[in-house]
Amino acid sequence: MGLAVTGDAFVASGHPGANTPAEWGSPHLGIIRSDDAGQTWSPIAYTSEKDFHALTAGPDGTLYGLSTDEPAVLTSTDGGSTWTAAGANISAYALTVDDTGTVYATTPGGVLFSVDGAVTFAPVPDAPTLYLLSASPDHSTLVGVDVEGTIWTSADAAVSWVEAGSADGQAQAIALTSSGEIAVADDSGLRLLGGDQ
């Protein structure tokens, strides 16, 4: 399942649950959107067709996604209603965008970056092998989890990385709060870690 916030809207994808309205589609939700902080949702694209496991929004509102049926990075500039292939074909676990508009992808071979809107990607030198990666609300800092469970942050566009703690078992999601705390969902549940943990 993917979830991204762009402006005041939530955009998500995944598989329907037992109580999911039939009009949202099956076996895949495609893209659904909420304009009221998740109170109500509407299907807006790829209903029943695609399942985006990697979904993120850049600081300019551009959405980037990878669906499970093809390796093409797709982009949307209208809040998720229409999507276009950016050009790059990659197999990635996660996508995120920093404050310069650089797109990052975590792949089995390491972290990749794109400075041309996901048209092309190149390896990030000396980056830890991350599988989860996200950006802070202002997109200035990246946070990720490597395959050993170590949590890493970078505040300089992935040039250098600092250890910031560790996940308890398998991490499922990671994020940075606006106050700089690291939120990690792992085998212990949802935990908040300070900068020195």
N, C-alpha and C. Protein backbone atom coordinates (compact mmCIF):
# COMPACT_ATOMS: atom_id res chain seq x y z
N MET A 1 0.84 -1.18 0.00
CA MET A 1 0.00 0.00 0.00
C MET A 1 0.88 1.24 0.00
N GLY A 2 0.47 2.24 -0.76
CA GLY A 2 1.18 3.51 -0.79
C GLY A 2 0.28 4.62 -0.28
N LEU A 3 0.89 5.62 0.33
CA LEU A 3 0.16 6.79 0.83
C LEU A 3 1.05 8.01 0.66
N ALA A 4 0.48 9.08 0.14
CA ALA A 4 1.21 10.34 -0.01
C ALA A 4 0.28 11.49 0.33
N VAL A 5 0.88 12.58 0.79
CA VAL A 5 0.13 13.80 1.09
C VAL A 5 0.62 14.88 0.13
N THR A 6 -0.31 15.51 -0.56
CA THR A 6 0.03 16.60 -1.45
C THR A 6 -0.94 17.75 -1.18
N GLY A 7 -0.40 18.85 -0.70
CA GLY A 7 -1.26 19.95 -0.28
C GLY A 7 -2.14 19.50 0.87
N ASP A 8 -3.44 19.66 0.73
CA ASP A 8 -4.39 19.22 1.75
C ASP A 8 -5.00 17.85 1.45
N ALA A 9 -4.50 17.19 0.41
CA ALA A 9 -5.10 15.92 -0.01
C ALA A 9 -4.23 14.73 0.38
N PHE A 10 -4.91 13.63 0.70
CA PHE A 10 -4.27 12.34 0.90
C PHE A 10 -4.53 11.52 -0.37
N VAL A 11 -3.49 10.88 -0.88
CA VAL A 11 -3.62 10.01 -2.05
C VAL A 11 -3.08 8.64 -1.64
N ALA A 12 -3.83 7.58 -1.92
CA ALA A 12 -3.44 6.25 -1.47
C ALA A 12 -3.72 5.20 -2.53
N SER A 13 -3.14 4.02 -2.31
CA SER A 13 -3.36 2.88 -3.18
C SER A 13 -3.17 1.61 -2.35
N GLY A 14 -3.59 0.49 -2.89
CA GLY A 14 -3.41 -0.78 -2.18
C GLY A 14 -4.44 -1.79 -2.61
N HIS A 15 -4.74 -2.69 -1.68
CA HIS A 15 -5.73 -3.75 -1.91
C HIS A 15 -6.97 -3.45 -1.07
N PRO A 16 -8.16 -3.78 -1.59
CA PRO A 16 -9.37 -3.55 -0.79
C PRO A 16 -9.45 -4.49 0.40
N GLY A 17 -10.09 -4.02 1.45
CA GLY A 17 -10.33 -4.84 2.63
C GLY A 17 -11.76 -5.35 2.64
N ALA A 18 -12.11 -6.04 3.69
CA ALA A 18 -13.45 -6.65 3.80
C ALA A 18 -14.56 -5.60 3.75
N ASN A 19 -14.31 -4.40 4.27
CA ASN A 19 -15.35 -3.36 4.32
C ASN A 19 -15.16 -2.27 3.28
N THR A 20 -14.29 -2.50 2.30
CA THR A 20 -14.05 -1.51 1.26
C THR A 20 -15.25 -1.43 0.32
N PRO A 21 -15.73 -0.23 0.02
CA PRO A 21 -16.85 -0.10 -0.93
C PRO A 21 -16.51 -0.72 -2.28
N ALA A 22 -17.46 -1.41 -2.88
CA ALA A 22 -17.23 -2.11 -4.15
C ALA A 22 -16.79 -1.16 -5.25
N GLU A 23 -17.26 0.08 -5.23
CA GLU A 23 -16.91 1.03 -6.30
C GLU A 23 -15.44 1.45 -6.27
N TRP A 24 -14.73 1.11 -5.20
CA TRP A 24 -13.30 1.41 -5.13
C TRP A 24 -12.49 0.43 -5.96
N GLY A 25 -13.07 -0.69 -6.32
CA GLY A 25 -12.40 -1.64 -7.20
C GLY A 25 -11.80 -2.83 -6.48
N SER A 26 -11.57 -3.88 -7.28
CA SER A 26 -10.94 -5.10 -6.80
C SER A 26 -10.32 -5.79 -8.01
N PRO A 27 -9.18 -6.40 -7.93
CA PRO A 27 -8.40 -6.70 -6.73
C PRO A 27 -7.47 -5.57 -6.29
N HIS A 28 -7.44 -4.47 -7.05
CA HIS A 28 -6.59 -3.33 -6.69
C HIS A 28 -7.44 -2.07 -6.56
N LEU A 29 -7.04 -1.20 -5.65
CA LEU A 29 -7.79 0.05 -5.47
C LEU A 29 -7.47 1.07 -6.54
N GLY A 30 -6.34 0.93 -7.23
CA GLY A 30 -5.89 2.01 -8.10
C GLY A 30 -5.48 3.17 -7.22
N ILE A 31 -5.88 4.37 -7.57
CA ILE A 31 -5.59 5.57 -6.77
C ILE A 31 -6.89 6.07 -6.16
N ILE A 32 -6.89 6.23 -4.84
CA ILE A 32 -8.02 6.85 -4.14
C ILE A 32 -7.52 8.14 -3.49
N ARG A 33 -8.45 9.08 -3.28
CA ARG A 33 -8.05 10.40 -2.78
C ARG A 33 -9.04 10.88 -1.72
N SER A 34 -8.49 11.56 -0.71
CA SER A 34 -9.31 12.19 0.32
C SER A 34 -8.93 13.66 0.39
N ASP A 35 -9.94 14.52 0.36
CA ASP A 35 -9.72 15.96 0.50
C ASP A 35 -10.18 16.46 1.86
N ASP A 36 -10.48 15.54 2.80
CA ASP A 36 -10.94 15.94 4.13
C ASP A 36 -10.20 15.17 5.23
N ALA A 37 -8.88 15.07 5.06
CA ALA A 37 -8.00 14.44 6.06
C ALA A 37 -8.37 12.98 6.34
N GLY A 38 -8.81 12.27 5.31
CA GLY A 38 -9.08 10.85 5.45
C GLY A 38 -10.47 10.47 5.91
N GLN A 39 -11.35 11.44 6.08
CA GLN A 39 -12.72 11.12 6.52
C GLN A 39 -13.49 10.40 5.42
N THR A 40 -13.35 10.86 4.18
CA THR A 40 -14.00 10.21 3.05
C THR A 40 -12.97 10.04 1.93
N TRP A 41 -13.19 9.02 1.10
CA TRP A 41 -12.27 8.70 0.02
C TRP A 41 -13.06 8.48 -1.27
N SER A 42 -12.42 8.79 -2.40
CA SER A 42 -13.04 8.56 -3.71
C SER A 42 -12.00 7.96 -4.65
N PRO A 43 -12.41 6.98 -5.46
CA PRO A 43 -11.49 6.45 -6.48
C PRO A 43 -11.32 7.48 -7.59
N ILE A 44 -10.06 7.71 -8.02
CA ILE A 44 -9.85 8.74 -9.05
C ILE A 44 -9.05 8.25 -10.25
N ALA A 45 -8.32 7.13 -10.14
CA ALA A 45 -7.53 6.65 -11.28
C ALA A 45 -7.22 5.16 -11.11
N TYR A 46 -7.10 4.46 -12.23
CA TYR A 46 -6.69 3.06 -12.27
C TYR A 46 -7.54 2.14 -11.38
N THR A 47 -8.81 2.46 -11.21
CA THR A 47 -9.69 1.64 -10.37
C THR A 47 -9.67 0.19 -10.85
N SER A 48 -9.41 -0.73 -9.94
CA SER A 48 -9.32 -2.18 -10.18
C SER A 48 -8.11 -2.59 -11.01
N GLU A 49 -7.27 -1.63 -11.42
CA GLU A 49 -6.18 -1.95 -12.35
C GLU A 49 -4.80 -2.02 -11.71
N LYS A 50 -4.47 -1.06 -10.86
CA LYS A 50 -3.10 -0.96 -10.35
C LYS A 50 -3.06 -0.90 -8.83
N ASP A 51 -1.93 -1.36 -8.30
CA ASP A 51 -1.65 -1.31 -6.87
C ASP A 51 -0.29 -0.63 -6.71
N PHE A 52 -0.28 0.60 -6.24
CA PHE A 52 0.96 1.34 -6.05
C PHE A 52 1.50 1.06 -4.65
N HIS A 53 2.63 0.37 -4.56
CA HIS A 53 3.26 0.14 -3.26
C HIS A 53 4.22 1.27 -2.92
N ALA A 54 4.76 1.94 -3.92
CA ALA A 54 5.62 3.10 -3.70
C ALA A 54 4.88 4.33 -4.23
N LEU A 55 4.64 5.29 -3.35
CA LEU A 55 3.88 6.49 -3.69
C LEU A 55 4.40 7.63 -2.84
N THR A 56 4.74 8.76 -3.48
CA THR A 56 5.25 9.91 -2.74
C THR A 56 4.90 11.19 -3.46
N ALA A 57 4.99 12.30 -2.74
CA ALA A 57 4.73 13.62 -3.32
C ALA A 57 5.94 14.51 -3.10
N GLY A 58 6.29 15.27 -4.13
CA GLY A 58 7.38 16.23 -4.01
C GLY A 58 6.88 17.54 -3.44
N PRO A 59 7.81 18.45 -3.11
CA PRO A 59 7.41 19.74 -2.54
C PRO A 59 6.56 20.59 -3.48
N ASP A 60 6.63 20.33 -4.79
CA ASP A 60 5.81 21.07 -5.75
C ASP A 60 4.45 20.42 -5.98
N GLY A 61 4.18 19.30 -5.27
CA GLY A 61 2.91 18.61 -5.41
C GLY A 61 2.91 17.48 -6.43
N THR A 62 3.98 17.34 -7.20
CA THR A 62 4.06 16.23 -8.15
C THR A 62 4.07 14.91 -7.41
N LEU A 63 3.22 13.99 -7.84
CA LEU A 63 3.17 12.64 -7.27
C LEU A 63 4.03 11.71 -8.12
N TYR A 64 4.73 10.80 -7.45
CA TYR A 64 5.53 9.77 -8.10
C TYR A 64 5.07 8.43 -7.57
N GLY A 65 4.90 7.45 -8.46
CA GLY A 65 4.44 6.15 -8.01
C GLY A 65 5.02 5.01 -8.82
N LEU A 66 5.10 3.85 -8.17
CA LEU A 66 5.46 2.60 -8.82
C LEU A 66 4.37 1.59 -8.50
N SER A 67 3.77 1.03 -9.54
CA SER A 67 2.75 0.02 -9.31
C SER A 67 3.39 -1.36 -9.40
N THR A 68 2.69 -2.35 -8.89
CA THR A 68 3.24 -3.69 -8.84
C THR A 68 3.19 -4.41 -10.18
N ASP A 69 2.50 -3.86 -11.18
CA ASP A 69 2.36 -4.56 -12.45
C ASP A 69 3.39 -4.16 -13.50
N GLU A 70 4.19 -3.12 -13.24
CA GLU A 70 5.20 -2.71 -14.20
C GLU A 70 6.27 -1.89 -13.48
N PRO A 71 7.51 -1.86 -14.01
CA PRO A 71 8.59 -1.15 -13.33
C PRO A 71 8.69 0.33 -13.68
N ALA A 72 7.74 0.88 -14.42
CA ALA A 72 7.81 2.27 -14.85
C ALA A 72 7.42 3.22 -13.72
N VAL A 73 8.23 4.26 -13.50
CA VAL A 73 7.85 5.31 -12.56
C VAL A 73 6.80 6.17 -13.24
N LEU A 74 5.66 6.35 -12.58
CA LEU A 74 4.57 7.17 -13.10
C LEU A 74 4.50 8.46 -12.31
N THR A 75 4.11 9.55 -12.98
CA THR A 75 3.99 10.84 -12.30
C THR A 75 2.62 11.45 -12.56
N SER A 76 2.18 12.26 -11.60
CA SER A 76 0.92 12.98 -11.72
C SER A 76 1.12 14.40 -11.22
N THR A 77 0.64 15.36 -11.98
CA THR A 77 0.72 16.77 -11.56
C THR A 77 -0.65 17.35 -11.25
N ASP A 78 -1.69 16.49 -11.21
CA ASP A 78 -3.04 16.98 -10.93
C ASP A 78 -3.67 16.26 -9.74
N GLY A 79 -2.85 15.94 -8.75
CA GLY A 79 -3.38 15.32 -7.54
C GLY A 79 -3.73 13.86 -7.66
N GLY A 80 -3.27 13.20 -8.71
CA GLY A 80 -3.49 11.77 -8.87
C GLY A 80 -4.55 11.38 -9.86
N SER A 81 -5.20 12.33 -10.51
CA SER A 81 -6.26 12.00 -11.46
C SER A 81 -5.72 11.39 -12.75
N THR A 82 -4.62 11.94 -13.27
CA THR A 82 -4.00 11.40 -14.48
C THR A 82 -2.52 11.15 -14.22
N TRP A 83 -1.99 10.13 -14.89
CA TRP A 83 -0.61 9.69 -14.68
C TRP A 83 0.10 9.52 -16.01
N THR A 84 1.41 9.80 -16.01
CA THR A 84 2.24 9.68 -17.20
C THR A 84 3.52 8.95 -16.83
N ALA A 85 3.99 8.09 -17.71
CA ALA A 85 5.28 7.42 -17.47
C ALA A 85 6.39 8.46 -17.54
N ALA A 86 7.22 8.52 -16.49
CA ALA A 86 8.30 9.50 -16.44
C ALA A 86 9.43 9.13 -17.38
N GLY A 87 9.67 7.86 -17.56
CA GLY A 87 10.74 7.41 -18.43
C GLY A 87 11.59 6.31 -17.82
N ALA A 88 11.82 6.37 -16.51
CA ALA A 88 12.67 5.38 -15.85
C ALA A 88 11.90 4.10 -15.56
N ASN A 89 12.58 2.99 -15.76
CA ASN A 89 12.06 1.68 -15.37
C ASN A 89 12.96 1.13 -14.28
N ILE A 90 12.43 1.04 -13.06
CA ILE A 90 13.20 0.55 -11.93
C ILE A 90 12.31 -0.35 -11.08
N SER A 91 12.94 -1.20 -10.32
CA SER A 91 12.23 -2.01 -9.32
C SER A 91 12.63 -1.46 -7.97
N ALA A 92 11.70 -0.80 -7.29
CA ALA A 92 12.04 -0.12 -6.03
C ALA A 92 11.05 -0.46 -4.94
N TYR A 93 11.54 -0.40 -3.70
CA TYR A 93 10.69 -0.59 -2.53
C TYR A 93 9.99 0.70 -2.14
N ALA A 94 10.71 1.82 -2.24
CA ALA A 94 10.17 3.11 -1.78
C ALA A 94 10.67 4.23 -2.68
N LEU A 95 9.89 5.29 -2.75
CA LEU A 95 10.25 6.52 -3.45
C LEU A 95 10.07 7.69 -2.49
N THR A 96 10.92 8.70 -2.60
CA THR A 96 10.72 9.94 -1.86
C THR A 96 11.39 11.07 -2.62
N VAL A 97 11.06 12.31 -2.25
CA VAL A 97 11.58 13.49 -2.93
C VAL A 97 12.08 14.48 -1.89
N ASP A 98 13.28 15.06 -2.14
CA ASP A 98 13.79 16.05 -1.19
C ASP A 98 13.40 17.47 -1.60
N ASP A 99 13.89 18.46 -0.85
CA ASP A 99 13.49 19.84 -1.08
C ASP A 99 14.05 20.45 -2.36
N THR A 100 15.00 19.78 -3.01
CA THR A 100 15.52 20.26 -4.29
C THR A 100 14.76 19.65 -5.47
N GLY A 101 13.84 18.72 -5.17
CA GLY A 101 13.11 18.02 -6.22
C GLY A 101 13.79 16.74 -6.67
N THR A 102 14.90 16.38 -6.04
CA THR A 102 15.57 15.13 -6.36
C THR A 102 14.71 13.96 -5.88
N VAL A 103 14.50 13.00 -6.77
CA VAL A 103 13.70 11.81 -6.46
C VAL A 103 14.67 10.69 -6.06
N TYR A 104 14.36 10.00 -4.97
CA TYR A 104 15.17 8.88 -4.49
C TYR A 104 14.34 7.60 -4.55
N ALA A 105 15.02 6.49 -4.86
CA ALA A 105 14.37 5.18 -4.90
C ALA A 105 15.25 4.18 -4.18
N THR A 106 14.64 3.36 -3.32
CA THR A 106 15.39 2.28 -2.67
C THR A 106 15.18 1.01 -3.49
N THR A 107 16.27 0.39 -3.89
CA THR A 107 16.23 -0.79 -4.74
C THR A 107 17.08 -1.90 -4.13
N PRO A 108 16.94 -3.13 -4.61
CA PRO A 108 17.79 -4.21 -4.10
C PRO A 108 19.28 -3.92 -4.27
N GLY A 109 19.65 -3.11 -5.26
CA GLY A 109 21.05 -2.77 -5.50
C GLY A 109 21.53 -1.53 -4.79
N GLY A 110 20.66 -0.86 -4.05
CA GLY A 110 21.05 0.35 -3.33
C GLY A 110 20.13 1.52 -3.64
N VAL A 111 20.45 2.66 -3.04
CA VAL A 111 19.64 3.87 -3.23
C VAL A 111 20.02 4.53 -4.55
N LEU A 112 19.00 4.90 -5.32
CA LEU A 112 19.19 5.61 -6.58
C LEU A 112 18.63 7.02 -6.44
N PHE A 113 19.11 7.95 -7.30
CA PHE A 113 18.57 9.30 -7.30
C PHE A 113 18.34 9.77 -8.73
N SER A 114 17.40 10.70 -8.88
CA SER A 114 17.08 11.29 -10.17
C SER A 114 16.93 12.80 -10.00
N VAL A 115 17.60 13.56 -10.85
CA VAL A 115 17.48 15.02 -10.83
C VAL A 115 16.65 15.52 -12.01
N ASP A 116 16.07 14.59 -12.78
CA ASP A 116 15.29 14.99 -13.95
C ASP A 116 13.85 14.49 -13.89
N GLY A 117 13.29 14.44 -12.69
CA GLY A 117 11.89 14.06 -12.54
C GLY A 117 11.61 12.60 -12.79
N ALA A 118 12.56 11.73 -12.48
CA ALA A 118 12.43 10.27 -12.61
C ALA A 118 12.52 9.79 -14.06
N VAL A 119 13.13 10.61 -14.92
CA VAL A 119 13.39 10.16 -16.29
C VAL A 119 14.56 9.18 -16.28
N THR A 120 15.61 9.51 -15.52
CA THR A 120 16.77 8.63 -15.36
C THR A 120 17.16 8.58 -13.89
N PHE A 121 17.81 7.50 -13.49
CA PHE A 121 18.30 7.33 -12.13
C PHE A 121 19.76 6.90 -12.15
N ALA A 122 20.49 7.26 -11.09
CA ALA A 122 21.88 6.85 -10.91
C ALA A 122 22.07 6.46 -9.45
N PRO A 123 23.09 5.65 -9.13
CA PRO A 123 23.32 5.27 -7.74
C PRO A 123 23.75 6.45 -6.87
N VAL A 124 23.30 6.46 -5.61
CA VAL A 124 23.77 7.43 -4.62
C VAL A 124 25.07 6.86 -4.04
N PRO A 125 26.21 7.55 -4.23
CA PRO A 125 27.47 7.01 -3.72
C PRO A 125 27.46 6.88 -2.20
N ASP A 126 27.98 5.75 -1.72
CA ASP A 126 28.21 5.51 -0.29
C ASP A 126 26.95 5.54 0.58
N ALA A 127 25.79 5.37 -0.01
CA ALA A 127 24.55 5.33 0.78
C ALA A 127 24.38 3.95 1.39
N PRO A 128 23.80 3.87 2.60
CA PRO A 128 23.47 2.55 3.14
C PRO A 128 22.42 1.88 2.26
N THR A 129 22.34 0.56 2.32
CA THR A 129 21.36 -0.17 1.52
C THR A 129 20.02 -0.12 2.25
N LEU A 130 19.22 0.87 1.89
CA LEU A 130 17.94 1.12 2.55
C LEU A 130 16.82 0.42 1.81
N TYR A 131 15.78 0.00 2.55
CA TYR A 131 14.57 -0.48 1.89
C TYR A 131 13.40 0.45 2.16
N LEU A 132 13.40 1.15 3.29
CA LEU A 132 12.40 2.19 3.56
C LEU A 132 13.09 3.54 3.47
N LEU A 133 12.40 4.53 2.95
CA LEU A 133 12.96 5.87 2.84
C LEU A 133 11.82 6.87 2.74
N SER A 134 11.93 7.97 3.48
CA SER A 134 10.95 9.05 3.36
C SER A 134 11.64 10.37 3.68
N ALA A 135 10.93 11.45 3.41
CA ALA A 135 11.46 12.79 3.65
C ALA A 135 10.65 13.45 4.76
N SER A 136 11.29 14.40 5.43
CA SER A 136 10.60 15.19 6.45
C SER A 136 9.50 16.01 5.80
N PRO A 137 8.56 16.54 6.60
CA PRO A 137 7.46 17.32 6.02
C PRO A 137 7.93 18.48 5.13
N ASP A 138 9.08 19.09 5.46
CA ASP A 138 9.60 20.17 4.62
C ASP A 138 10.56 19.65 3.55
N HIS A 139 10.73 18.34 3.46
CA HIS A 139 11.56 17.65 2.47
C HIS A 139 13.05 17.93 2.61
N SER A 140 13.49 18.52 3.73
CA SER A 140 14.91 18.87 3.89
C SER A 140 15.76 17.73 4.42
N THR A 141 15.15 16.74 5.05
CA THR A 141 15.89 15.63 5.65
C THR A 141 15.28 14.31 5.21
N LEU A 142 16.16 13.35 4.91
CA LEU A 142 15.73 12.01 4.55
C LEU A 142 15.92 11.08 5.74
N VAL A 143 15.05 10.09 5.88
CA VAL A 143 15.19 9.07 6.92
C VAL A 143 14.89 7.72 6.28
N GLY A 144 15.70 6.72 6.63
CA GLY A 144 15.50 5.40 6.06
C GLY A 144 15.93 4.30 7.00
N VAL A 145 15.57 3.08 6.64
CA VAL A 145 15.95 1.89 7.40
C VAL A 145 16.69 0.96 6.45
N ASP A 146 17.85 0.45 6.92
CA ASP A 146 18.60 -0.49 6.08
C ASP A 146 18.16 -1.93 6.36
N VAL A 147 18.76 -2.85 5.63
CA VAL A 147 18.34 -4.25 5.72
C VAL A 147 18.70 -4.89 7.06
N GLU A 148 19.58 -4.27 7.84
CA GLU A 148 19.92 -4.76 9.18
C GLU A 148 19.05 -4.14 10.27
N GLY A 149 18.19 -3.18 9.90
CA GLY A 149 17.32 -2.51 10.86
C GLY A 149 17.86 -1.21 11.40
N THR A 150 19.03 -0.78 10.92
CA THR A 150 19.60 0.50 11.36
C THR A 150 18.85 1.64 10.69
N ILE A 151 18.53 2.66 11.47
CA ILE A 151 17.85 3.85 10.96
C ILE A 151 18.91 4.90 10.65
N TRP A 152 18.78 5.51 9.49
CA TRP A 152 19.75 6.50 9.01
C TRP A 152 19.03 7.79 8.63
N THR A 153 19.71 8.93 8.80
CA THR A 153 19.18 10.21 8.33
C THR A 153 20.24 10.92 7.49
N SER A 154 19.78 11.77 6.59
CA SER A 154 20.66 12.62 5.79
C SER A 154 20.01 13.98 5.65
N ALA A 155 20.75 15.02 6.01
CA ALA A 155 20.24 16.39 5.89
C ALA A 155 20.97 17.16 4.79
N ASP A 156 21.73 16.44 3.94
CA ASP A 156 22.50 17.11 2.90
C ASP A 156 22.33 16.44 1.54
N ALA A 157 21.09 16.15 1.20
CA ALA A 157 20.75 15.57 -0.11
C ALA A 157 21.46 14.25 -0.36
N ALA A 158 21.53 13.41 0.66
CA ALA A 158 22.07 12.04 0.58
C ALA A 158 23.58 12.00 0.36
N VAL A 159 24.28 13.10 0.64
CA VAL A 159 25.74 13.09 0.53
C VAL A 159 26.34 12.32 1.70
N SER A 160 25.83 12.56 2.91
CA SER A 160 26.31 11.84 4.09
C SER A 160 25.11 11.33 4.88
N TRP A 161 25.34 10.24 5.63
CA TRP A 161 24.29 9.59 6.40
C TRP A 161 24.74 9.42 7.84
N VAL A 162 23.81 9.61 8.79
CA VAL A 162 24.10 9.51 10.21
C VAL A 162 23.19 8.45 10.81
N GLU A 163 23.77 7.53 11.62
CA GLU A 163 22.95 6.54 12.32
C GLU A 163 22.06 7.25 13.33
N ALA A 164 20.79 6.85 13.38
CA ALA A 164 19.83 7.53 14.27
C ALA A 164 19.02 6.55 15.11
N GLY A 165 19.49 5.33 15.27
CA GLY A 165 18.77 4.35 16.06
C GLY A 165 18.58 3.07 15.29
N SER A 166 17.66 2.24 15.78
CA SER A 166 17.39 0.99 15.09
C SER A 166 15.93 0.59 15.27
N ALA A 167 15.46 -0.15 14.29
CA ALA A 167 14.11 -0.69 14.35
C ALA A 167 14.11 -1.91 15.26
N ASP A 168 12.97 -2.17 15.88
CA ASP A 168 12.79 -3.38 16.68
C ASP A 168 12.20 -4.44 15.76
N GLY A 169 13.04 -5.31 15.25
CA GLY A 169 12.57 -6.30 14.28
C GLY A 169 12.37 -5.67 12.92
N GLN A 170 11.35 -6.10 12.22
CA GLN A 170 11.07 -5.64 10.87
C GLN A 170 10.32 -4.31 10.89
N ALA A 171 10.88 -3.28 10.27
CA ALA A 171 10.19 -1.99 10.14
C ALA A 171 9.26 -2.04 8.94
N GLN A 172 8.05 -1.52 9.10
CA GLN A 172 7.06 -1.48 8.02
C GLN A 172 6.92 -0.09 7.42
N ALA A 173 7.21 0.94 8.22
CA ALA A 173 7.10 2.32 7.74
C ALA A 173 7.98 3.20 8.60
N ILE A 174 8.44 4.31 8.00
CA ILE A 174 9.26 5.26 8.74
C ILE A 174 8.94 6.66 8.23
N ALA A 175 8.99 7.63 9.14
CA ALA A 175 8.72 9.03 8.78
C ALA A 175 9.42 9.94 9.77
N LEU A 176 9.60 11.18 9.37
CA LEU A 176 10.09 12.23 10.25
C LEU A 176 8.95 13.17 10.56
N THR A 177 8.82 13.56 11.82
CA THR A 177 7.79 14.53 12.19
C THR A 177 8.32 15.94 11.94
N SER A 178 7.44 16.92 11.99
CA SER A 178 7.87 18.31 11.79
C SER A 178 8.77 18.79 12.92
N SER A 179 8.74 18.12 14.08
CA SER A 179 9.62 18.48 15.19
C SER A 179 10.94 17.70 15.17
N GLY A 180 11.14 16.86 14.15
CA GLY A 180 12.39 16.15 14.00
C GLY A 180 12.44 14.77 14.61
N GLU A 181 11.35 14.31 15.24
CA GLU A 181 11.32 12.96 15.77
C GLU A 181 11.14 11.96 14.63
N ILE A 182 11.68 10.77 14.84
CA ILE A 182 11.54 9.70 13.87
C ILE A 182 10.40 8.80 14.32
N ALA A 183 9.41 8.62 13.47
CA ALA A 183 8.30 7.70 13.74
C ALA A 183 8.57 6.42 12.96
N VAL A 184 8.63 5.30 13.67
CA VAL A 184 8.88 4.02 13.01
C VAL A 184 7.82 3.01 13.45
N ALA A 185 7.23 2.34 12.48
CA ALA A 185 6.30 1.24 12.76
C ALA A 185 7.08 -0.05 12.59
N ASP A 186 7.25 -0.78 13.70
CA ASP A 186 8.03 -2.01 13.67
C ASP A 186 7.38 -3.06 14.54
N ASP A 187 8.13 -4.09 14.92
CA ASP A 187 7.55 -5.18 15.71
C ASP A 187 7.04 -4.74 17.08
N SER A 188 7.48 -3.58 17.57
CA SER A 188 7.01 -3.05 18.86
C SER A 188 5.78 -2.18 18.71
N GLY A 189 5.35 -1.92 17.50
CA GLY A 189 4.24 -1.01 17.25
C GLY A 189 4.76 0.29 16.66
N LEU A 190 4.10 1.38 16.96
CA LEU A 190 4.53 2.70 16.49
C LEU A 190 5.36 3.35 17.57
N ARG A 191 6.61 3.69 17.24
CA ARG A 191 7.51 4.30 18.22
C ARG A 191 8.00 5.64 17.70
N LEU A 192 8.26 6.56 18.62
CA LEU A 192 8.88 7.84 18.31
C LEU A 192 10.28 7.85 18.89
N LEU A 193 11.26 8.16 18.05
CA LEU A 193 12.65 8.24 18.48
C LEU A 193 13.12 9.67 18.34
N GLY A 194 13.84 10.16 19.35
CA GLY A 194 14.45 11.48 19.26
C GLY A 194 15.70 11.41 18.42
N GLY A 195 16.30 12.55 18.18
CA GLY A 195 17.49 12.62 17.34
C GLY A 195 18.69 11.90 17.91
N ASP A 196 18.74 11.67 19.23
CA ASP A 196 19.91 11.04 19.83
C ASP A 196 19.71 9.56 20.13
N GLN A 197 18.64 8.95 19.66
CA GLN A 197 18.35 7.55 20.01
C GLN A 197 18.93 6.60 18.99
